[in-house]
Amino acid sequence: MPATAPLQLLLFRHPADADAAPYEEAIVRGFQGGKEAGGYLASGEDLGIQLGVFSSAPTLNVAETLDSFCHTLTVVLVDRALLDKAGEALWDWLATCWTVSFPRTC
């Protein structure tokens, strides 16, 4: 068993973007079976996938966030609301995420 959890999913989208809601739901359903986990048909062991949904910069420390999992999948659903309202802090957080993630080993 790995020393850290296997996978986290960080999903960024603006809540004012109603068009992105079905995509968010599909992504959550694909990785966790939905926001209500009762609909998830697991085969075998629990994969331990952690989900975080954000509309602005997380208050989480980037390095600690990445180091707490073996792999991180980051999905950013960009629309005009996210571009206009998310602020520089989100873009700085994502840029820092990119720069500290290479090279990274589990």
PDB file of N, CA and C in Angstrom:
ATOM      1  N   MET A   1       0.846  -1.184   0.000  1.00  0.00           N
ATOM      2  CA  MET A   1       0.000   0.000   0.000  1.00  0.00           C
ATOM      3  C   MET A   1       0.889   1.244   0.000  1.00  0.00           C
ATOM      4  N   PRO A   2       0.575   2.242  -0.848  1.00  0.00           N
ATOM      5  CA  PRO A   2       1.393   3.443  -0.903  1.00  0.00           C
ATOM      6  C   PRO A   2       1.312   4.235   0.398  1.00  0.00           C
ATOM      7  N   ALA A   3       2.378   5.003   0.676  1.00  0.00           N
ATOM      8  CA  ALA A   3       2.415   5.816   1.892  1.00  0.00           C
ATOM      9  C   ALA A   3       1.405   6.956   1.828  1.00  0.00           C
ATOM     10  N   THR A   4       1.074   7.417   0.644  1.00  0.00           N
ATOM     11  CA  THR A   4       0.095   8.487   0.491  1.00  0.00           C
ATOM     12  C   THR A   4      -1.125   7.950  -0.244  1.00  0.00           C
ATOM     13  N   ALA A   5      -2.234   8.665  -0.107  1.00  0.00           N
ATOM     14  CA  ALA A   5      -3.451   8.272  -0.814  1.00  0.00           C
ATOM     15  C   ALA A   5      -3.200   8.317  -2.321  1.00  0.00           C
ATOM     16  N   PRO A   6      -3.897   7.485  -3.084  1.00  0.00           N
ATOM     17  CA  PRO A   6      -3.559   7.341  -4.501  1.00  0.00           C
ATOM     18  C   PRO A   6      -3.903   8.527  -5.398  1.00  0.00           C
ATOM     19  N   LEU A   7      -5.091   9.119  -5.252  1.00  0.00           N
ATOM     20  CA  LEU A   7      -5.519  10.113  -6.238  1.00  0.00           C
ATOM     21  C   LEU A   7      -6.453  11.132  -5.616  1.00  0.00           C
ATOM     22  N   GLN A   8      -6.214  12.382  -5.962  1.00  0.00           N
ATOM     23  CA  GLN A   8      -7.164  13.437  -5.632  1.00  0.00           C
ATOM     24  C   GLN A   8      -7.560  14.140  -6.921  1.00  0.00           C
ATOM     25  N   LEU A   9      -8.773  14.616  -6.938  1.00  0.00           N
ATOM     26  CA  LEU A   9      -9.308  15.349  -8.077  1.00  0.00           C
ATOM     27  C   LEU A   9      -9.651  16.749  -7.610  1.00  0.00           C
ATOM     28  N   LEU A  10      -9.050  17.746  -8.235  1.00  0.00           N
ATOM     29  CA  LEU A  10      -9.338  19.144  -7.943  1.00  0.00           C
ATOM     30  C   LEU A  10     -10.104  19.706  -9.129  1.00  0.00           C
ATOM     31  N   LEU A  11     -11.331  20.124  -8.893  1.00  0.00           N
ATOM     32  CA  LEU A  11     -12.200  20.629  -9.955  1.00  0.00           C
ATOM     33  C   LEU A  11     -12.472  22.101  -9.695  1.00  0.00           C
ATOM     34  N   PHE A  12     -12.157  22.927 -10.682  1.00  0.00           N
ATOM     35  CA  PHE A  12     -12.365  24.368 -10.571  1.00  0.00           C
ATOM     36  C   PHE A  12     -13.419  24.791 -11.578  1.00  0.00           C
ATOM     37  N   ARG A  13     -14.432  25.507 -11.099  1.00  0.00           N
ATOM     38  CA  ARG A  13     -15.452  26.079 -11.979  1.00  0.00           C
ATOM     39  C   ARG A  13     -16.181  27.163 -11.213  1.00  0.00           C
ATOM     40  N   HIS A  14     -16.779  28.092 -11.925  1.00  0.00           N
ATOM     41  CA  HIS A  14     -17.530  29.149 -11.263  1.00  0.00           C
ATOM     42  C   HIS A  14     -18.980  28.706 -11.099  1.00  0.00           C
ATOM     43  N   PRO A  15     -19.569  28.874  -9.908  1.00  0.00           N
ATOM     44  CA  PRO A  15     -20.949  28.421  -9.697  1.00  0.00           C
ATOM     45  C   PRO A  15     -21.976  29.148 -10.563  1.00  0.00           C
ATOM     46  N   ALA A  16     -21.627  30.326 -11.103  1.00  0.00           N
ATOM     47  CA  ALA A  16     -22.560  31.051 -11.965  1.00  0.00           C
ATOM     48  C   ALA A  16     -22.644  30.439 -13.362  1.00  0.00           C
ATOM     49  N   ASP A  17     -21.747  29.526 -13.679  1.00  0.00           N
ATOM     50  CA  ASP A  17     -21.746  28.887 -14.991  1.00  0.00           C
ATOM     51  C   ASP A  17     -22.662  27.659 -14.951  1.00  0.00           C
ATOM     52  N   ALA A  18     -23.923  27.863 -15.263  1.00  0.00           N
ATOM     53  CA  ALA A  18     -24.900  26.767 -15.228  1.00  0.00           C
ATOM     54  C   ALA A  18     -24.603  25.702 -16.284  1.00  0.00           C
ATOM     55  N   ASP A  19     -23.966  26.090 -17.385  1.00  0.00           N
ATOM     56  CA  ASP A  19     -23.639  25.128 -18.431  1.00  0.00           C
ATOM     57  C   ASP A  19     -22.609  24.091 -17.968  1.00  0.00           C
ATOM     58  N   ALA A  20     -21.782  24.451 -16.989  1.00  0.00           N
ATOM     59  CA  ALA A  20     -20.743  23.533 -16.511  1.00  0.00           C
ATOM     60  C   ALA A  20     -21.261  22.540 -15.481  1.00  0.00           C
ATOM     61  N   ALA A  21     -22.435  22.791 -14.907  1.00  0.00           N
ATOM     62  CA  ALA A  21     -22.972  21.915 -13.861  1.00  0.00           C
ATOM     63  C   ALA A  21     -23.092  20.457 -14.307  1.00  0.00           C
ATOM     64  N   PRO A  22     -23.621  20.163 -15.508  1.00  0.00           N
ATOM     65  CA  PRO A  22     -23.687  18.759 -15.920  1.00  0.00           C
ATOM     66  C   PRO A  22     -22.307  18.106 -16.069  1.00  0.00           C
ATOM     67  N   TYR A  23     -21.314  18.887 -16.470  1.00  0.00           N
ATOM     68  CA  TYR A  23     -19.959  18.350 -16.588  1.00  0.00           C
ATOM     69  C   TYR A  23     -19.380  18.040 -15.210  1.00  0.00           C
ATOM     70  N   GLU A  24     -19.615  18.952 -14.275  1.00  0.00           N
ATOM     71  CA  GLU A  24     -19.174  18.700 -12.901  1.00  0.00           C
ATOM     72  C   GLU A  24     -19.818  17.432 -12.365  1.00  0.00           C
ATOM     73  N   GLU A  25     -21.118  17.297 -12.547  1.00  0.00           N
ATOM     74  CA  GLU A  25     -21.831  16.112 -12.069  1.00  0.00           C
ATOM     75  C   GLU A  25     -21.289  14.842 -12.722  1.00  0.00           C
ATOM     76  N   ALA A  26     -21.013  14.890 -14.019  1.00  0.00           N
ATOM     77  CA  ALA A  26     -20.490  13.713 -14.718  1.00  0.00           C
ATOM     78  C   ALA A  26     -19.097  13.341 -14.209  1.00  0.00           C
ATOM     79  N   ILE A  27     -18.268  14.334 -13.957  1.00  0.00           N
ATOM     80  CA  ILE A  27     -16.925  14.073 -13.444  1.00  0.00           C
ATOM     81  C   ILE A  27     -17.005  13.462 -12.048  1.00  0.00           C
ATOM     82  N   VAL A  28     -17.827  14.050 -11.190  1.00  0.00           N
ATOM     83  CA  VAL A  28     -17.984  13.529  -9.830  1.00  0.00           C
ATOM     84  C   VAL A  28     -18.554  12.119  -9.865  1.00  0.00           C
ATOM     85  N   ARG A  29     -19.540  11.885 -10.707  1.00  0.00           N
ATOM     86  CA  ARG A  29     -20.134  10.545 -10.824  1.00  0.00           C
ATOM     87  C   ARG A  29     -19.101   9.537 -11.330  1.00  0.00           C
ATOM     88  N   GLY A  30     -18.268   9.945 -12.277  1.00  0.00           N
ATOM     89  CA  GLY A  30     -17.261   9.052 -12.826  1.00  0.00           C
ATOM     90  C   GLY A  30     -16.200   8.639 -11.817  1.00  0.00           C
ATOM     91  N   PHE A  31     -15.845   9.549 -10.910  1.00  0.00           N
ATOM     92  CA  PHE A  31     -14.784   9.243  -9.957  1.00  0.00           C
ATOM     93  C   PHE A  31     -15.293   8.787  -8.598  1.00  0.00           C
ATOM     94  N   GLN A  32     -16.501   9.242  -8.220  1.00  0.00           N
ATOM     95  CA  GLN A  32     -17.006   8.910  -6.892  1.00  0.00           C
ATOM     96  C   GLN A  32     -18.415   8.349  -6.906  1.00  0.00           C
ATOM     97  N   GLY A  33     -19.036   8.258  -8.030  1.00  0.00           N
ATOM     98  CA  GLY A  33     -20.402   7.771  -8.082  1.00  0.00           C
ATOM     99  C   GLY A  33     -21.434   8.851  -7.850  1.00  0.00           C
ATOM    100  N   GLY A  34     -21.035  10.090  -7.737  1.00  0.00           N
ATOM    101  CA  GLY A  34     -21.935  11.204  -7.523  1.00  0.00           C
ATOM    102  C   GLY A  34     -21.712  11.827  -6.158  1.00  0.00           C
ATOM    103  N   LYS A  35     -22.349  12.969  -5.932  1.00  0.00           N
ATOM    104  CA  LYS A  35     -22.204  13.652  -4.650  1.00  0.00           C
ATOM    105  C   LYS A  35     -22.846  12.852  -3.528  1.00  0.00           C
ATOM    106  N   GLU A  36     -23.862  12.088  -3.866  1.00  0.00           N
ATOM    107  CA  GLU A  36     -24.446  11.131  -2.930  1.00  0.00           C
ATOM    108  C   GLU A  36     -23.856   9.780  -3.286  1.00  0.00           C
ATOM    109  N   ALA A  37     -22.962   9.281  -2.460  1.00  0.00           N
ATOM    110  CA  ALA A  37     -22.189   8.087  -2.808  1.00  0.00           C
ATOM    111  C   ALA A  37     -23.020   6.813  -2.907  1.00  0.00           C
ATOM    112  N   GLY A  38     -24.275   6.827  -2.555  1.00  0.00           N
ATOM    113  CA  GLY A  38     -25.110   5.629  -2.601  1.00  0.00           C
ATOM    114  C   GLY A  38     -25.319   5.077  -3.994  1.00  0.00           C
ATOM    115  N   GLY A  39     -25.169   5.891  -5.032  1.00  0.00           N
ATOM    116  CA  GLY A  39     -25.384   5.432  -6.396  1.00  0.00           C
ATOM    117  C   GLY A  39     -24.167   4.797  -7.034  1.00  0.00           C
ATOM    118  N   TYR A  40     -23.097   4.706  -6.301  1.00  0.00           N
ATOM    119  CA  TYR A  40     -21.835   4.213  -6.844  1.00  0.00           C
ATOM    120  C   TYR A  40     -21.763   2.699  -6.729  1.00  0.00           C
ATOM    121  N   LEU A  41     -21.520   2.045  -7.839  1.00  0.00           N
ATOM    122  CA  LEU A  41     -21.360   0.597  -7.847  1.00  0.00           C
ATOM    123  C   LEU A  41     -19.868   0.294  -7.877  1.00  0.00           C
ATOM    124  N   ALA A  42     -19.311   0.037  -6.733  1.00  0.00           N
ATOM    125  CA  ALA A  42     -17.885  -0.226  -6.647  1.00  0.00           C
ATOM    126  C   ALA A  42     -17.595  -1.675  -6.970  1.00  0.00           C
ATOM    127  N   SER A  43     -16.528  -1.895  -7.665  1.00  0.00           N
ATOM    128  CA  SER A  43     -16.075  -3.259  -7.904  1.00  0.00           C
ATOM    129  C   SER A  43     -14.716  -3.390  -7.242  1.00  0.00           C
ATOM    130  N   GLY A  44     -14.639  -4.210  -6.240  1.00  0.00           N
ATOM    131  CA  GLY A  44     -13.388  -4.376  -5.527  1.00  0.00           C
ATOM    132  C   GLY A  44     -13.236  -3.344  -4.436  1.00  0.00           C
ATOM    133  N   GLU A  45     -11.986  -2.967  -4.187  1.00  0.00           N
ATOM    134  CA  GLU A  45     -11.709  -2.071  -3.073  1.00  0.00           C
ATOM    135  C   GLU A  45     -12.031  -0.621  -3.402  1.00  0.00           C
ATOM    136  N   ASP A  46     -12.226   0.152  -2.339  1.00  0.00           N
ATOM    137  CA  ASP A  46     -12.435   1.589  -2.483  1.00  0.00           C
ATOM    138  C   ASP A  46     -11.144   2.189  -3.022  1.00  0.00           C
ATOM    139  N   LEU A  47     -11.237   2.983  -4.069  1.00  0.00           N
ATOM    140  CA  LEU A  47     -10.049   3.549  -4.694  1.00  0.00           C
ATOM    141  C   LEU A  47      -9.486   4.733  -3.922  1.00  0.00           C
ATOM    142  N   GLY A  48     -10.234   5.263  -2.984  1.00  0.00           N
ATOM    143  CA  GLY A  48      -9.729   6.346  -2.153  1.00  0.00           C
ATOM    144  C   GLY A  48      -9.544   7.656  -2.875  1.00  0.00           C
ATOM    145  N   ILE A  49     -10.404   7.956  -3.814  1.00  0.00           N
ATOM    146  CA  ILE A  49     -10.287   9.200  -4.582  1.00  0.00           C
ATOM    147  C   ILE A  49     -10.932  10.334  -3.799  1.00  0.00           C
ATOM    148  N   GLN A  50     -10.162  11.369  -3.556  1.00  0.00           N
ATOM    149  CA  GLN A  50     -10.624  12.552  -2.840  1.00  0.00           C
ATOM    150  C   GLN A  50     -11.026  13.606  -3.868  1.00  0.00           C
ATOM    151  N   LEU A  51     -12.109  14.319  -3.614  1.00  0.00           N
ATOM    152  CA  LEU A  51     -12.601  15.338  -4.532  1.00  0.00           C
ATOM    153  C   LEU A  51     -12.650  16.686  -3.837  1.00  0.00           C
ATOM    154  N   GLY A  52     -12.159  17.702  -4.514  1.00  0.00           N
ATOM    155  CA  GLY A  52     -12.300  19.074  -4.057  1.00  0.00           C
ATOM    156  C   GLY A  52     -12.864  19.902  -5.194  1.00  0.00           C
ATOM    157  N   VAL A  53     -13.927  20.673  -4.923  1.00  0.00           N
ATOM    158  CA  VAL A  53     -14.535  21.538  -5.935  1.00  0.00           C
ATOM    159  C   VAL A  53     -14.341  22.978  -5.470  1.00  0.00           C
ATOM    160  N   PHE A  54     -13.791  23.811  -6.360  1.00  0.00           N
ATOM    161  CA  PHE A  54     -13.438  25.183  -6.009  1.00  0.00           C
ATOM    162  C   PHE A  54     -13.934  26.155  -7.070  1.00  0.00           C
ATOM    163  N   SER A  55     -14.310  27.358  -6.628  1.00  0.00           N
ATOM    164  CA  SER A  55     -14.664  28.423  -7.568  1.00  0.00           C
ATOM    165  C   SER A  55     -13.711  29.601  -7.420  1.00  0.00           C
ATOM    166  N   SER A  56     -12.798  29.500  -6.487  1.00  0.00           N
ATOM    167  CA  SER A  56     -11.773  30.522  -6.300  1.00  0.00           C
ATOM    168  C   SER A  56     -10.525  29.825  -5.763  1.00  0.00           C
ATOM    169  N   ALA A  57      -9.520  30.592  -5.450  1.00  0.00           N
ATOM    170  CA  ALA A  57      -8.263  29.999  -4.979  1.00  0.00           C
ATOM    171  C   ALA A  57      -8.491  29.267  -3.664  1.00  0.00           C
ATOM    172  N   PRO A  58      -8.054  28.025  -3.581  1.00  0.00           N
ATOM    173  CA  PRO A  58      -8.166  27.300  -2.317  1.00  0.00           C
ATOM    174  C   PRO A  58      -7.276  27.939  -1.247  1.00  0.00           C
ATOM    175  N   THR A  59      -7.670  27.792  -0.010  1.00  0.00           N
ATOM    176  CA  THR A  59      -6.825  28.271   1.087  1.00  0.00           C
ATOM    177  C   THR A  59      -5.757  27.242   1.428  1.00  0.00           C
ATOM    178  N   LEU A  60      -5.752  26.146   0.703  1.00  0.00           N
ATOM    179  CA  LEU A  60      -4.807  25.069   0.930  1.00  0.00           C
ATOM    180  C   LEU A  60      -3.416  25.446   0.431  1.00  0.00           C
ATOM    181  N   ASN A  61      -2.398  25.012   1.140  1.00  0.00           N
ATOM    182  CA  ASN A  61      -1.026  25.183   0.698  1.00  0.00           C
ATOM    183  C   ASN A  61      -0.789  24.257  -0.489  1.00  0.00           C
ATOM    184  N   VAL A  62      -0.251  24.781  -1.568  1.00  0.00           N
ATOM    185  CA  VAL A  62      -0.091  23.997  -2.799  1.00  0.00           C
ATOM    186  C   VAL A  62       0.783  22.774  -2.566  1.00  0.00           C
ATOM    187  N   ALA A  63       1.964  22.963  -2.009  1.00  0.00           N
ATOM    188  CA  ALA A  63       2.886  21.834  -1.822  1.00  0.00           C
ATOM    189  C   ALA A  63       2.275  20.765  -0.919  1.00  0.00           C
ATOM    190  N   GLU A  64       1.633  21.168   0.177  1.00  0.00           N
ATOM    191  CA  GLU A  64       1.005  20.201   1.079  1.00  0.00           C
ATOM    192  C   GLU A  64      -0.139  19.474   0.379  1.00  0.00           C
ATOM    193  N   THR A  65      -0.891  20.195  -0.432  1.00  0.00           N
ATOM    194  CA  THR A  65      -2.007  19.590  -1.158  1.00  0.00           C
ATOM    195  C   THR A  65      -1.502  18.525  -2.117  1.00  0.00           C
ATOM    196  N   LEU A  66      -0.455  18.821  -2.848  1.00  0.00           N
ATOM    197  CA  LEU A  66       0.089  17.859  -3.797  1.00  0.00           C
ATOM    198  C   LEU A  66       0.809  16.707  -3.103  1.00  0.00           C
ATOM    199  N   ASP A  67       1.517  16.996  -2.025  1.00  0.00           N
ATOM    200  CA  ASP A  67       2.277  15.962  -1.324  1.00  0.00           C
ATOM    201  C   ASP A  67       1.395  14.978  -0.573  1.00  0.00           C
ATOM    202  N   SER A  68       0.152  15.350  -0.289  1.00  0.00           N
ATOM    203  CA  SER A  68      -0.715  14.463   0.478  1.00  0.00           C
ATOM    204  C   SER A  68      -1.327  13.357  -0.379  1.00  0.00           C
ATOM    205  N   PHE A  69      -1.099  13.391  -1.686  1.00  0.00           N
ATOM    206  CA  PHE A  69      -1.608  12.364  -2.600  1.00  0.00           C
ATOM    207  C   PHE A  69      -0.515  11.957  -3.565  1.00  0.00           C
ATOM    208  N   CYS A  70      -0.627  10.735  -4.038  1.00  0.00           N
ATOM    209  CA  CYS A  70       0.336  10.215  -4.991  1.00  0.00           C
ATOM    210  C   CYS A  70       0.161  10.897  -6.367  1.00  0.00           C
ATOM    211  N   HIS A  71      -1.086  11.121  -6.764  1.00  0.00           N
ATOM    212  CA  HIS A  71      -1.405  11.739  -8.056  1.00  0.00           C
ATOM    213  C   HIS A  71      -2.506  12.770  -7.849  1.00  0.00           C
ATOM    214  N   THR A  72      -2.453  13.833  -8.640  1.00  0.00           N
ATOM    215  CA  THR A  72      -3.488  14.865  -8.606  1.00  0.00           C
ATOM    216  C   THR A  72      -3.956  15.124 -10.030  1.00  0.00           C
ATOM    217  N   LEU A  73      -5.253  15.040 -10.219  1.00  0.00           N
ATOM    218  CA  LEU A  73      -5.867  15.391 -11.495  1.00  0.00           C
ATOM    219  C   LEU A  73      -6.584  16.714 -11.275  1.00  0.00           C
ATOM    220  N   THR A  74      -6.192  17.734 -12.044  1.00  0.00           N
ATOM    221  CA  THR A  74      -6.790  19.063 -11.917  1.00  0.00           C
ATOM    222  C   THR A  74      -7.603  19.353 -13.165  1.00  0.00           C
ATOM    223  N   VAL A  75      -8.878  19.669 -12.965  1.00  0.00           N
ATOM    224  CA  VAL A  75      -9.784  19.998 -14.062  1.00  0.00           C
ATOM    225  C   VAL A  75     -10.258  21.427 -13.835  1.00  0.00           C
ATOM    226  N   VAL A  76     -10.065  22.281 -14.846  1.00  0.00           N
ATOM    227  CA  VAL A  76     -10.511  23.670 -14.759  1.00  0.00           C
ATOM    228  C   VAL A  76     -11.493  23.905 -15.895  1.00  0.00           C
ATOM    229  N   LEU A  77     -12.752  24.139 -15.538  1.00  0.00           N
ATOM    230  CA  LEU A  77     -13.795  24.430 -16.524  1.00  0.00           C
ATOM    231  C   LEU A  77     -13.874  25.955 -16.642  1.00  0.00           C
ATOM    232  N   VAL A  78     -13.251  26.480 -17.674  1.00  0.00           N
ATOM    233  CA  VAL A  78     -13.113  27.924 -17.834  1.00  0.00           C
ATOM    234  C   VAL A  78     -14.288  28.481 -18.618  1.00  0.00           C
ATOM    235  N   ASP A  79     -14.904  29.506 -18.068  1.00  0.00           N
ATOM    236  CA  ASP A  79     -15.945  30.268 -18.754  1.00  0.00           C
ATOM    237  C   ASP A  79     -15.726  31.742 -18.426  1.00  0.00           C
ATOM    238  N   ARG A  80     -16.556  32.591 -18.964  1.00  0.00           N
ATOM    239  CA  ARG A  80     -16.404  34.031 -18.744  1.00  0.00           C
ATOM    240  C   ARG A  80     -16.521  34.381 -17.259  1.00  0.00           C
ATOM    241  N   ALA A  81     -17.431  33.745 -16.528  1.00  0.00           N
ATOM    242  CA  ALA A  81     -17.593  34.042 -15.098  1.00  0.00           C
ATOM    243  C   ALA A  81     -16.319  33.707 -14.325  1.00  0.00           C
ATOM    244  N   LEU A  82     -15.714  32.564 -14.615  1.00  0.00           N
ATOM    245  CA  LEU A  82     -14.475  32.200 -13.928  1.00  0.00           C
ATOM    246  C   LEU A  82     -13.362  33.182 -14.286  1.00  0.00           C
ATOM    247  N   LEU A  83     -13.257  33.532 -15.550  1.00  0.00           N
ATOM    248  CA  LEU A  83     -12.218  34.480 -15.968  1.00  0.00           C
ATOM    249  C   LEU A  83     -12.396  35.844 -15.311  1.00  0.00           C
ATOM    250  N   ASP A  84     -13.651  36.308 -15.214  1.00  0.00           N
ATOM    251  CA  ASP A  84     -13.919  37.641 -14.691  1.00  0.00           C
ATOM    252  C   ASP A  84     -13.939  37.709 -13.169  1.00  0.00           C
ATOM    253  N   LYS A  85     -14.383  36.641 -12.497  1.00  0.00           N
ATOM    254  CA  LYS A  85     -14.658  36.726 -11.062  1.00  0.00           C
ATOM    255  C   LYS A  85     -13.727  35.924 -10.164  1.00  0.00           C
ATOM    256  N   ALA A  86     -12.977  34.993 -10.711  1.00  0.00           N
ATOM    257  CA  ALA A  86     -12.150  34.143  -9.859  1.00  0.00           C
ATOM    258  C   ALA A  86     -10.990  34.914  -9.233  1.00  0.00           C
ATOM    259  N   GLY A  87     -10.451  35.864  -9.947  1.00  0.00           N
ATOM    260  CA  GLY A  87      -9.376  36.690  -9.411  1.00  0.00           C
ATOM    261  C   GLY A  87      -7.993  36.120  -9.639  1.00  0.00           C
ATOM    262  N   GLU A  88      -7.026  36.997  -9.454  1.00  0.00           N
ATOM    263  CA  GLU A  88      -5.624  36.637  -9.672  1.00  0.00           C
ATOM    264  C   GLU A  88      -5.160  35.525  -8.730  1.00  0.00           C
ATOM    265  N   ALA A  89      -5.742  35.465  -7.539  1.00  0.00           N
ATOM    266  CA  ALA A  89      -5.309  34.465  -6.560  1.00  0.00           C
ATOM    267  C   ALA A  89      -5.490  33.045  -7.098  1.00  0.00           C
ATOM    268  N   LEU A  90      -6.580  32.802  -7.826  1.00  0.00           N
ATOM    269  CA  LEU A  90      -6.793  31.468  -8.400  1.00  0.00           C
ATOM    270  C   LEU A  90      -5.736  31.156  -9.446  1.00  0.00           C
ATOM    271  N   TRP A  91      -5.476  32.103 -10.322  1.00  0.00           N
ATOM    272  CA  TRP A  91      -4.498  31.861 -11.382  1.00  0.00           C
ATOM    273  C   TRP A  91      -3.100  31.684 -10.784  1.00  0.00           C
ATOM    274  N   ASP A  92      -2.792  32.442  -9.729  1.00  0.00           N
ATOM    275  CA  ASP A  92      -1.511  32.279  -9.051  1.00  0.00           C
ATOM    276  C   ASP A  92      -1.419  30.911  -8.394  1.00  0.00           C
ATOM    277  N   TRP A  93      -2.518  30.448  -7.769  1.00  0.00           N
ATOM    278  CA  TRP A  93      -2.532  29.140  -7.111  1.00  0.00           C
ATOM    279  C   TRP A  93      -2.291  28.036  -8.137  1.00  0.00           C
ATOM    280  N   LEU A  94      -2.987  28.121  -9.280  1.00  0.00           N
ATOM    281  CA  LEU A  94      -2.819  27.111 -10.317  1.00  0.00           C
ATOM    282  C   LEU A  94      -1.402  27.146 -10.915  1.00  0.00           C
ATOM    283  N   ALA A  95      -0.844  28.334 -11.095  1.00  0.00           N
ATOM    284  CA  ALA A  95       0.521  28.447 -11.604  1.00  0.00           C
ATOM    285  C   ALA A  95       1.513  27.847 -10.618  1.00  0.00           C
ATOM    286  N   THR A  96       1.318  28.099  -9.340  1.00  0.00           N
ATOM    287  CA  THR A  96       2.183  27.509  -8.323  1.00  0.00           C
ATOM    288  C   THR A  96       2.037  25.999  -8.316  1.00  0.00           C
ATOM    289  N   CYS A  97       0.815  25.527  -8.462  1.00  0.00           N
ATOM    290  CA  CYS A  97       0.552  24.088  -8.542  1.00  0.00           C
ATOM    291  C   CYS A  97       1.360  23.479  -9.684  1.00  0.00           C
ATOM    292  N   TRP A  98       1.363  24.133 -10.807  1.00  0.00           N
ATOM    293  CA  TRP A  98       2.085  23.637 -11.980  1.00  0.00           C
ATOM    294  C   TRP A  98       3.595  23.618 -11.717  1.00  0.00           C
ATOM    295  N   THR A  99       4.131  24.685 -11.147  1.00  0.00           N
ATOM    296  CA  THR A  99       5.579  24.778 -10.987  1.00  0.00           C
ATOM    297  C   THR A  99       6.114  23.844  -9.906  1.00  0.00           C
ATOM    298  N   VAL A 100       5.358  23.585  -8.846  1.00  0.00           N
ATOM    299  CA  VAL A 100       5.877  22.711  -7.792  1.00  0.00           C
ATOM    300  C   VAL A 100       5.617  21.243  -8.082  1.00  0.00           C
ATOM    301  N   SER A 101       4.831  20.947  -9.091  1.00  0.00           N
ATOM    302  CA  SER A 101       4.469  19.551  -9.344  1.00  0.00           C
ATOM    303  C   SER A 101       5.487  18.807 -10.193  1.00  0.00           C
ATOM    304  N   PHE A 102       6.489  19.479 -10.731  1.00  0.00           N
ATOM    305  CA  PHE A 102       7.485  18.806 -11.568  1.00  0.00           C
ATOM    306  C   PHE A 102       8.877  18.997 -11.000  1.00  0.00           C
ATOM    307  N   PRO A 103       9.706  17.997 -10.862  1.00  0.00           N
ATOM    308  CA  PRO A 103       9.321  16.583 -10.908  1.00  0.00           C
ATOM    309  C   PRO A 103       8.755  16.153  -9.562  1.00  0.00           C
ATOM    310  N   ARG A 104       7.849  15.248  -9.572  1.00  0.00           N
ATOM    311  CA  ARG A 104       7.225  14.732  -8.370  1.00  0.00           C
ATOM    312  C   ARG A 104       7.157  13.221  -8.476  1.00  0.00           C
ATOM    313  N   THR A 105       7.470  12.560  -7.399  1.00  0.00           N
ATOM    314  CA  THR A 105       7.365  11.099  -7.382  1.00  0.00           C
ATOM    315  C   THR A 105       6.513  10.686  -6.196  1.00  0.00           C
ATOM    316  N   CYS A 106       5.985   9.505  -6.294  1.00  0.00           N
ATOM    317  CA  CYS A 106       5.113   9.000  -5.253  1.00  0.00           C
ATOM    318  C   CYS A 106       5.914   8.313  -4.177  1.00  0.00           C
TER     319      CYS A 106
END
